[in-house]
N, C-alpha and C. Protein backbone atom coordinates (compact mmCIF):
# COMPACT_ATOMS: atom_id res chain seq x y z
N UNK A 1 -3.56 -9.95 -4.22
CA UNK A 1 -3.67 -9.75 -2.78
C UNK A 1 -4.77 -8.73 -2.46
N UNK A 2 -4.85 -7.67 -3.27
CA UNK A 2 -5.87 -6.64 -3.02
C UNK A 2 -7.28 -7.24 -3.09
N UNK A 3 -7.52 -8.07 -4.09
CA UNK A 3 -8.84 -8.70 -4.22
C UNK A 3 -9.09 -9.69 -3.09
N UNK A 4 -8.07 -10.44 -2.70
CA UNK A 4 -8.22 -11.43 -1.63
C UNK A 4 -8.57 -10.78 -0.30
N UNK A 5 -8.06 -9.55 -0.08
CA UNK A 5 -8.33 -8.86 1.18
C UNK A 5 -9.43 -7.81 1.05
N UNK A 6 -10.19 -7.86 -0.04
CA UNK A 6 -11.35 -6.97 -0.25
C UNK A 6 -10.98 -5.49 -0.18
N UNK A 7 -9.87 -5.14 -0.80
CA UNK A 7 -9.46 -3.73 -0.87
C UNK A 7 -10.46 -2.98 -1.75
N UNK A 8 -10.79 -1.75 -1.36
CA UNK A 8 -11.77 -0.96 -2.10
C UNK A 8 -11.24 -0.47 -3.44
N UNK A 9 -9.95 -0.12 -3.49
CA UNK A 9 -9.37 0.40 -4.73
C UNK A 9 -7.85 0.37 -4.65
N UNK A 10 -7.25 0.41 -5.80
CA UNK A 10 -5.80 0.49 -5.92
C UNK A 10 -5.49 1.79 -6.66
N UNK A 11 -4.59 2.59 -6.10
CA UNK A 11 -4.19 3.84 -6.74
C UNK A 11 -2.76 3.66 -7.22
N UNK A 12 -2.52 3.98 -8.47
CA UNK A 12 -1.20 3.85 -9.05
C UNK A 12 -0.91 5.08 -9.90
N UNK A 13 0.34 5.29 -10.21
CA UNK A 13 0.69 6.44 -11.04
C UNK A 13 0.62 6.06 -12.52
N UNK A 14 0.34 7.04 -13.35
CA UNK A 14 0.28 6.79 -14.79
C UNK A 14 1.66 6.42 -15.33
N UNK A 15 2.68 7.11 -14.85
CA UNK A 15 4.05 6.80 -15.27
C UNK A 15 4.67 5.85 -14.26
N UNK A 16 5.61 5.07 -14.69
CA UNK A 16 6.35 4.15 -13.83
C UNK A 16 5.47 3.05 -13.24
N UNK A 17 4.38 2.72 -13.90
CA UNK A 17 3.52 1.63 -13.47
C UNK A 17 3.33 0.68 -14.64
N UNK A 18 3.10 -0.59 -14.35
CA UNK A 18 2.91 -1.54 -15.45
C UNK A 18 1.63 -1.25 -16.22
N UNK A 19 1.64 -1.55 -17.48
CA UNK A 19 0.47 -1.37 -18.33
C UNK A 19 -0.59 -2.39 -17.93
N UNK A 20 -1.83 -1.95 -17.85
CA UNK A 20 -2.94 -2.86 -17.50
C UNK A 20 -3.29 -3.70 -18.73
N UNK A 21 -2.47 -4.70 -18.98
CA UNK A 21 -2.63 -5.53 -20.18
C UNK A 21 -2.91 -6.97 -19.78
N UNK A 22 -2.96 -7.83 -20.77
CA UNK A 22 -3.22 -9.23 -20.54
C UNK A 22 -2.20 -9.89 -19.64
N UNK A 23 -0.93 -9.51 -19.77
CA UNK A 23 0.12 -10.09 -18.93
C UNK A 23 -0.12 -9.75 -17.46
N UNK A 24 -0.45 -8.49 -17.19
CA UNK A 24 -0.72 -8.08 -15.82
C UNK A 24 -1.97 -8.77 -15.30
N UNK A 25 -3.00 -8.84 -16.12
CA UNK A 25 -4.24 -9.48 -15.69
C UNK A 25 -3.99 -10.95 -15.35
N UNK A 26 -3.17 -11.62 -16.14
CA UNK A 26 -2.86 -13.02 -15.87
C UNK A 26 -2.09 -13.14 -14.56
N UNK A 27 -1.12 -12.26 -14.34
CA UNK A 27 -0.35 -12.29 -13.09
C UNK A 27 -1.22 -11.99 -11.88
N UNK A 28 -2.27 -11.20 -12.08
CA UNK A 28 -3.17 -10.83 -10.98
C UNK A 28 -4.19 -11.91 -10.68
N UNK A 29 -4.16 -12.99 -11.43
CA UNK A 29 -5.04 -14.15 -11.19
C UNK A 29 -6.51 -13.76 -11.10
N UNK A 30 -6.95 -12.87 -11.97
CA UNK A 30 -8.35 -12.46 -11.98
C UNK A 30 -8.69 -11.32 -11.05
N UNK A 31 -7.72 -10.84 -10.30
CA UNK A 31 -7.97 -9.78 -9.32
C UNK A 31 -8.37 -8.46 -9.93
N UNK A 32 -7.97 -8.19 -11.18
CA UNK A 32 -8.32 -6.92 -11.81
C UNK A 32 -9.82 -6.76 -11.99
N UNK A 33 -10.53 -7.86 -12.04
CA UNK A 33 -11.98 -7.80 -12.19
C UNK A 33 -12.68 -7.39 -10.90
N UNK A 34 -11.98 -7.46 -9.77
CA UNK A 34 -12.62 -7.24 -8.48
C UNK A 34 -12.18 -5.99 -7.74
N UNK A 35 -11.11 -5.37 -8.21
CA UNK A 35 -10.58 -4.18 -7.52
C UNK A 35 -10.45 -3.05 -8.53
N UNK A 36 -11.16 -1.95 -8.32
CA UNK A 36 -11.00 -0.80 -9.22
C UNK A 36 -9.58 -0.25 -9.12
N UNK A 37 -9.05 0.18 -10.27
CA UNK A 37 -7.70 0.75 -10.32
C UNK A 37 -7.83 2.20 -10.78
N UNK A 38 -7.29 3.12 -9.98
CA UNK A 38 -7.28 4.54 -10.33
C UNK A 38 -5.86 4.93 -10.67
N UNK A 39 -5.66 5.46 -11.87
CA UNK A 39 -4.35 5.97 -12.29
C UNK A 39 -4.32 7.47 -12.07
N UNK A 40 -3.29 7.94 -11.36
CA UNK A 40 -3.16 9.37 -11.09
C UNK A 40 -1.86 9.88 -11.68
N UNK A 41 -1.84 11.16 -12.00
CA UNK A 41 -0.63 11.78 -12.54
C UNK A 41 0.38 12.00 -11.43
N UNK A 42 -0.08 12.44 -10.25
CA UNK A 42 0.81 12.80 -9.16
C UNK A 42 0.35 12.11 -7.88
N UNK A 43 1.13 11.15 -7.42
CA UNK A 43 0.74 10.37 -6.24
C UNK A 43 0.71 11.23 -4.98
N UNK A 44 1.63 12.16 -4.84
CA UNK A 44 1.65 13.02 -3.66
C UNK A 44 0.35 13.81 -3.56
N UNK A 45 -0.13 14.34 -4.68
CA UNK A 45 -1.40 15.08 -4.67
C UNK A 45 -2.57 14.15 -4.35
N UNK A 46 -2.54 12.94 -4.89
CA UNK A 46 -3.60 11.98 -4.59
C UNK A 46 -3.60 11.63 -3.11
N UNK A 47 -2.42 11.48 -2.52
CA UNK A 47 -2.33 11.20 -1.08
C UNK A 47 -2.86 12.38 -0.27
N UNK A 48 -2.58 13.58 -0.73
CA UNK A 48 -3.10 14.77 -0.07
C UNK A 48 -4.64 14.76 -0.08
N UNK A 49 -5.22 14.44 -1.24
CA UNK A 49 -6.68 14.37 -1.36
C UNK A 49 -7.25 13.28 -0.47
N UNK A 50 -6.58 12.13 -0.40
CA UNK A 50 -7.05 11.07 0.49
C UNK A 50 -7.03 11.53 1.94
N UNK A 51 -6.01 12.27 2.32
CA UNK A 51 -5.94 12.83 3.67
C UNK A 51 -7.09 13.79 3.92
N UNK A 52 -7.40 14.64 2.94
CA UNK A 52 -8.52 15.58 3.06
C UNK A 52 -9.85 14.83 3.21
N UNK A 53 -9.92 13.63 2.67
CA UNK A 53 -11.14 12.81 2.75
C UNK A 53 -11.19 11.98 4.04
N UNK A 54 -10.17 12.12 4.90
CA UNK A 54 -10.19 11.45 6.18
C UNK A 54 -9.43 10.13 6.25
N UNK A 55 -8.72 9.77 5.19
CA UNK A 55 -7.96 8.53 5.20
C UNK A 55 -6.71 8.68 6.06
N UNK A 56 -6.41 7.65 6.83
CA UNK A 56 -5.12 7.54 7.50
C UNK A 56 -4.16 6.97 6.46
N UNK A 57 -3.10 7.70 6.17
CA UNK A 57 -2.13 7.29 5.15
C UNK A 57 -0.91 6.70 5.84
N UNK A 58 -0.74 5.39 5.66
CA UNK A 58 0.36 4.67 6.30
C UNK A 58 1.35 4.22 5.24
N UNK A 59 2.56 4.78 5.30
CA UNK A 59 3.61 4.41 4.36
C UNK A 59 4.45 3.27 4.91
N UNK A 60 4.65 2.25 4.09
CA UNK A 60 5.50 1.14 4.50
C UNK A 60 6.95 1.47 4.16
N UNK A 61 7.80 1.37 5.17
CA UNK A 61 9.21 1.71 5.02
C UNK A 61 10.00 0.81 5.95
N UNK A 62 10.96 0.08 5.41
CA UNK A 62 11.73 -0.85 6.25
C UNK A 62 12.47 -0.15 7.37
N UNK A 63 12.65 1.17 7.26
CA UNK A 63 13.29 1.95 8.32
C UNK A 63 12.28 2.77 9.12
N UNK A 64 11.00 2.46 8.99
CA UNK A 64 9.96 3.20 9.70
C UNK A 64 10.15 3.16 11.20
N UNK A 65 9.72 4.20 11.92
CA UNK A 65 9.94 4.28 13.36
C UNK A 65 9.11 3.30 14.19
N UNK A 66 8.01 2.79 13.64
CA UNK A 66 7.15 1.87 14.38
C UNK A 66 6.85 0.66 13.51
N UNK A 67 6.58 -0.45 14.17
CA UNK A 67 6.16 -1.63 13.40
C UNK A 67 4.69 -1.45 13.03
N UNK A 68 4.30 -2.01 11.91
CA UNK A 68 2.89 -1.92 11.50
C UNK A 68 2.00 -2.58 12.54
N UNK A 69 2.48 -3.62 13.18
CA UNK A 69 1.70 -4.30 14.23
C UNK A 69 1.36 -3.37 15.38
N UNK A 70 2.25 -2.41 15.67
CA UNK A 70 2.03 -1.50 16.79
C UNK A 70 1.51 -0.13 16.38
N UNK A 71 1.39 0.10 15.09
CA UNK A 71 0.90 1.40 14.61
C UNK A 71 -0.60 1.52 14.86
N UNK A 72 -1.06 2.71 15.22
CA UNK A 72 -2.49 2.91 15.45
C UNK A 72 -3.22 3.00 14.10
N UNK A 73 -3.95 1.95 13.73
CA UNK A 73 -4.65 1.93 12.45
C UNK A 73 -6.13 2.19 12.65
N UNK A 74 -6.69 2.99 11.77
CA UNK A 74 -8.13 3.29 11.78
C UNK A 74 -8.64 3.27 10.35
N UNK A 75 -9.93 3.16 10.19
CA UNK A 75 -10.56 3.25 8.88
C UNK A 75 -11.02 4.68 8.67
N UNK A 76 -11.04 5.17 7.46
CA UNK A 76 -10.52 4.56 6.25
C UNK A 76 -8.98 4.62 6.24
N UNK A 77 -8.39 3.61 5.63
CA UNK A 77 -6.95 3.43 5.64
C UNK A 77 -6.41 3.36 4.22
N UNK A 78 -5.32 4.05 3.98
CA UNK A 78 -4.60 3.96 2.69
C UNK A 78 -3.19 3.47 2.99
N UNK A 79 -2.86 2.29 2.52
CA UNK A 79 -1.50 1.77 2.65
C UNK A 79 -0.70 2.27 1.46
N UNK A 80 0.47 2.82 1.71
CA UNK A 80 1.31 3.41 0.67
C UNK A 80 2.58 2.58 0.56
N UNK A 81 2.79 2.00 -0.61
CA UNK A 81 3.97 1.17 -0.85
C UNK A 81 4.82 1.79 -1.93
N UNK A 82 6.11 1.69 -1.77
CA UNK A 82 7.03 2.27 -2.74
C UNK A 82 7.48 1.24 -3.76
N UNK A 83 8.38 1.67 -4.60
CA UNK A 83 8.93 0.79 -5.63
C UNK A 83 9.92 -0.17 -5.00
N UNK A 84 10.05 -1.34 -5.60
CA UNK A 84 11.02 -2.30 -5.10
C UNK A 84 12.42 -1.71 -5.24
N UNK A 85 13.20 -1.86 -4.20
CA UNK A 85 14.56 -1.33 -4.20
C UNK A 85 14.62 0.11 -3.72
N UNK A 86 13.85 0.99 -4.33
CA UNK A 86 13.91 2.42 -4.01
C UNK A 86 13.00 2.79 -2.84
N UNK A 87 11.94 2.05 -2.63
CA UNK A 87 11.01 2.38 -1.55
C UNK A 87 10.16 3.59 -1.88
N UNK A 88 9.68 4.24 -0.84
CA UNK A 88 8.81 5.42 -1.00
C UNK A 88 9.61 6.61 -1.50
N UNK A 89 9.01 7.37 -2.40
CA UNK A 89 9.63 8.63 -2.82
C UNK A 89 9.44 9.66 -1.72
N UNK A 90 10.30 10.66 -1.73
CA UNK A 90 10.29 11.67 -0.67
C UNK A 90 8.93 12.32 -0.49
N UNK A 91 8.31 12.79 -1.57
CA UNK A 91 7.02 13.47 -1.44
C UNK A 91 5.93 12.53 -0.95
N UNK A 92 5.95 11.30 -1.41
CA UNK A 92 4.96 10.31 -0.92
C UNK A 92 5.16 10.09 0.57
N UNK A 93 6.39 9.95 0.98
CA UNK A 93 6.71 9.75 2.40
C UNK A 93 6.20 10.94 3.23
N UNK A 94 6.40 12.15 2.73
CA UNK A 94 5.97 13.35 3.46
C UNK A 94 4.46 13.45 3.58
N UNK A 95 3.71 12.86 2.66
CA UNK A 95 2.25 12.94 2.69
C UNK A 95 1.63 11.86 3.57
N UNK A 96 2.44 10.95 4.09
CA UNK A 96 1.92 9.90 4.96
C UNK A 96 1.77 10.41 6.39
N UNK A 97 0.74 9.94 7.06
CA UNK A 97 0.52 10.29 8.46
C UNK A 97 1.42 9.47 9.38
N UNK A 98 1.68 8.22 8.95
CA UNK A 98 2.45 7.27 9.75
C UNK A 98 3.41 6.55 8.81
N UNK A 99 4.64 6.35 9.25
CA UNK A 99 5.58 5.48 8.55
C UNK A 99 5.78 4.26 9.43
N UNK A 100 5.60 3.09 8.84
CA UNK A 100 5.69 1.86 9.62
C UNK A 100 6.49 0.82 8.85
N UNK A 101 7.08 -0.06 9.60
CA UNK A 101 7.86 -1.13 9.00
C UNK A 101 7.19 -2.47 9.28
N UNK A 102 7.54 -3.44 8.47
CA UNK A 102 7.14 -4.82 8.74
C UNK A 102 8.32 -5.47 9.43
N UNK A 103 8.15 -5.89 10.66
CA UNK A 103 9.25 -6.52 11.38
C UNK A 103 9.40 -7.96 10.91
N UNK A 104 10.54 -8.24 10.33
CA UNK A 104 10.85 -9.57 9.81
C UNK A 104 11.84 -10.24 10.76
N UNK A 105 11.51 -11.43 11.25
CA UNK A 105 12.40 -12.09 12.21
C UNK A 105 13.63 -12.73 11.57
N UNK A 106 13.64 -12.87 10.25
CA UNK A 106 14.75 -13.53 9.57
C UNK A 106 15.88 -12.60 9.21
N UNK A 107 16.80 -13.12 8.43
CA UNK A 107 18.00 -12.37 8.04
C UNK A 107 17.70 -11.26 7.05
N UNK A 108 16.59 -11.34 6.31
CA UNK A 108 16.22 -10.33 5.32
C UNK A 108 15.21 -9.38 5.96
N UNK A 109 15.47 -8.07 5.88
CA UNK A 109 14.62 -7.07 6.54
C UNK A 109 13.45 -6.61 5.71
N UNK A 110 13.51 -6.81 4.39
CA UNK A 110 12.42 -6.31 3.57
C UNK A 110 11.98 -7.37 2.56
N UNK A 111 10.77 -7.21 2.07
CA UNK A 111 10.18 -8.13 1.11
C UNK A 111 9.97 -7.40 -0.22
N UNK A 112 9.74 -8.16 -1.29
CA UNK A 112 9.37 -7.48 -2.52
C UNK A 112 7.99 -6.85 -2.29
N UNK A 113 7.64 -5.92 -3.14
CA UNK A 113 6.45 -5.10 -2.89
C UNK A 113 5.17 -5.92 -2.84
N UNK A 114 5.03 -6.95 -3.65
CA UNK A 114 3.79 -7.73 -3.63
C UNK A 114 3.66 -8.52 -2.33
N UNK A 115 4.76 -9.09 -1.85
CA UNK A 115 4.71 -9.81 -0.58
C UNK A 115 4.52 -8.86 0.59
N UNK A 116 5.18 -7.71 0.55
CA UNK A 116 5.00 -6.72 1.61
C UNK A 116 3.54 -6.26 1.66
N UNK A 117 2.93 -6.09 0.50
CA UNK A 117 1.53 -5.68 0.44
C UNK A 117 0.64 -6.73 1.10
N UNK A 118 0.85 -7.99 0.78
CA UNK A 118 0.03 -9.06 1.34
C UNK A 118 0.19 -9.13 2.86
N UNK A 119 1.41 -9.02 3.35
CA UNK A 119 1.64 -9.05 4.80
C UNK A 119 0.99 -7.84 5.46
N UNK A 120 1.13 -6.66 4.86
CA UNK A 120 0.53 -5.45 5.42
C UNK A 120 -1.00 -5.54 5.44
N UNK A 121 -1.58 -6.06 4.38
CA UNK A 121 -3.04 -6.20 4.33
C UNK A 121 -3.53 -7.20 5.38
N UNK A 122 -2.80 -8.28 5.57
CA UNK A 122 -3.17 -9.26 6.59
C UNK A 122 -3.05 -8.63 7.99
N UNK A 123 -1.99 -7.90 8.21
CA UNK A 123 -1.80 -7.23 9.50
C UNK A 123 -2.92 -6.23 9.77
N UNK A 124 -3.24 -5.43 8.76
CA UNK A 124 -4.32 -4.44 8.92
C UNK A 124 -5.65 -5.12 9.16
N UNK A 125 -5.90 -6.21 8.48
CA UNK A 125 -7.17 -6.94 8.66
C UNK A 125 -7.35 -7.38 10.10
N UNK A 126 -6.29 -7.87 10.73
CA UNK A 126 -6.40 -8.35 12.10
C UNK A 126 -6.42 -7.22 13.11
N UNK A 127 -5.88 -6.07 12.76
CA UNK A 127 -5.87 -4.92 13.68
C UNK A 127 -7.16 -4.10 13.64
N UNK A 128 -7.78 -4.04 12.48
CA UNK A 128 -8.96 -3.19 12.32
C UNK A 128 -10.25 -3.97 12.61
N UNK A 129 -11.23 -3.31 13.20
CA UNK A 129 -12.51 -3.99 13.40
C UNK A 129 -13.18 -4.27 12.05
N UNK A 130 -13.99 -5.33 11.97
CA UNK A 130 -14.67 -5.64 10.70
C UNK A 130 -15.59 -4.49 10.27
N UNK A 131 -15.78 -4.41 8.96
CA UNK A 131 -16.64 -3.35 8.41
C UNK A 131 -18.09 -3.72 8.63
């Protein structure tokens, strides 16, 4: 999804993240070749640095106070997604400028992280002016 939506980079933690191996590359359908991946020790610190660099940090949370469709999005933008089931960690949530939810019209309120990412990227693409 990141490659399909021309994401500049993917930031992930060194621990609790899948190994960048052949299995992951196959699942990514060639996307690893097109999107740089930065592994960080501490995501909260990385989010702090992104904020210092002027990024709007938007955390996706099914209980977020605003829908992503109605959230004020600007460039540069960092979408922050949590782990499946657990969602955003407390420190990651605290480092976000905006917490937003994806409004789902069906019986299920949340999606797995890969689907949520694709929906969020599509939403951001339509809300933000072209680069």
